[in-house]
Amino acid sequence: MLSASCDRIAYRRFSIIAAMASKFLISLIAIALVFTTLVAPAQAIDYGRRNLIENDFSGQDLTDSLFDHANLRGANFSYANLRGVRFFAANLEGANFEGADLTGADLESARLTRTNFSNAVLVGAFATNTLFNGAIIDGADFTDVLLRLDTEKKLCDIAKGTNPVTGRNTRDTLNCF
């Protein structure tokens, strides 16, 4: 009888310890999930060579994503985080980058005909082999953007406004005289 009583007590203790260990493990998993959700950076996505005509990317965090050779005619990137994004040789005709952050973006050989860059931040972007024919650049910040001299001159002819984020005058960021 004493043995059966001891077995029940031992079983109860084991059950209590197992339940506590289970709750502790569930708590650890929950904390790990919350931590990775809060700390995890945006995942760079490769959209290269895709047909993304008139897609809406507005307000999205697309940091370091790739759009090389993609057809993005009429796409909406307004107020998107596009830091470090590559648009190498992409068709961005009529795209909307209003208020977007293109810091350090690669726009080399991109087609930017009639593209809206109103109030966009392009600090440190690469655009040496890019034409901005018919582009809207009111309030855009071109600080340290690599441009061809003839492109810079054309942009100076239409440059006006002040960027609401950086407080810089568009003409000053293009070194217009």
Foldseek 3Di string as FASTA:
>chain_A
DVVVVVVVVVVVVVVVVVVVVVVVVVVVVVVVVVVCVVPPDDDAEECDPEEQEQAECDQEENELHEHDQYEHDNHEHDLYEHDNYEHHLYEDANYEHHNYEHDQYECENYAQALYECHLYENACYEYARYANHNYHNAQYAQANYHYHPVRLVVCLVRFAHHRPPPRHGNNVNSVHD
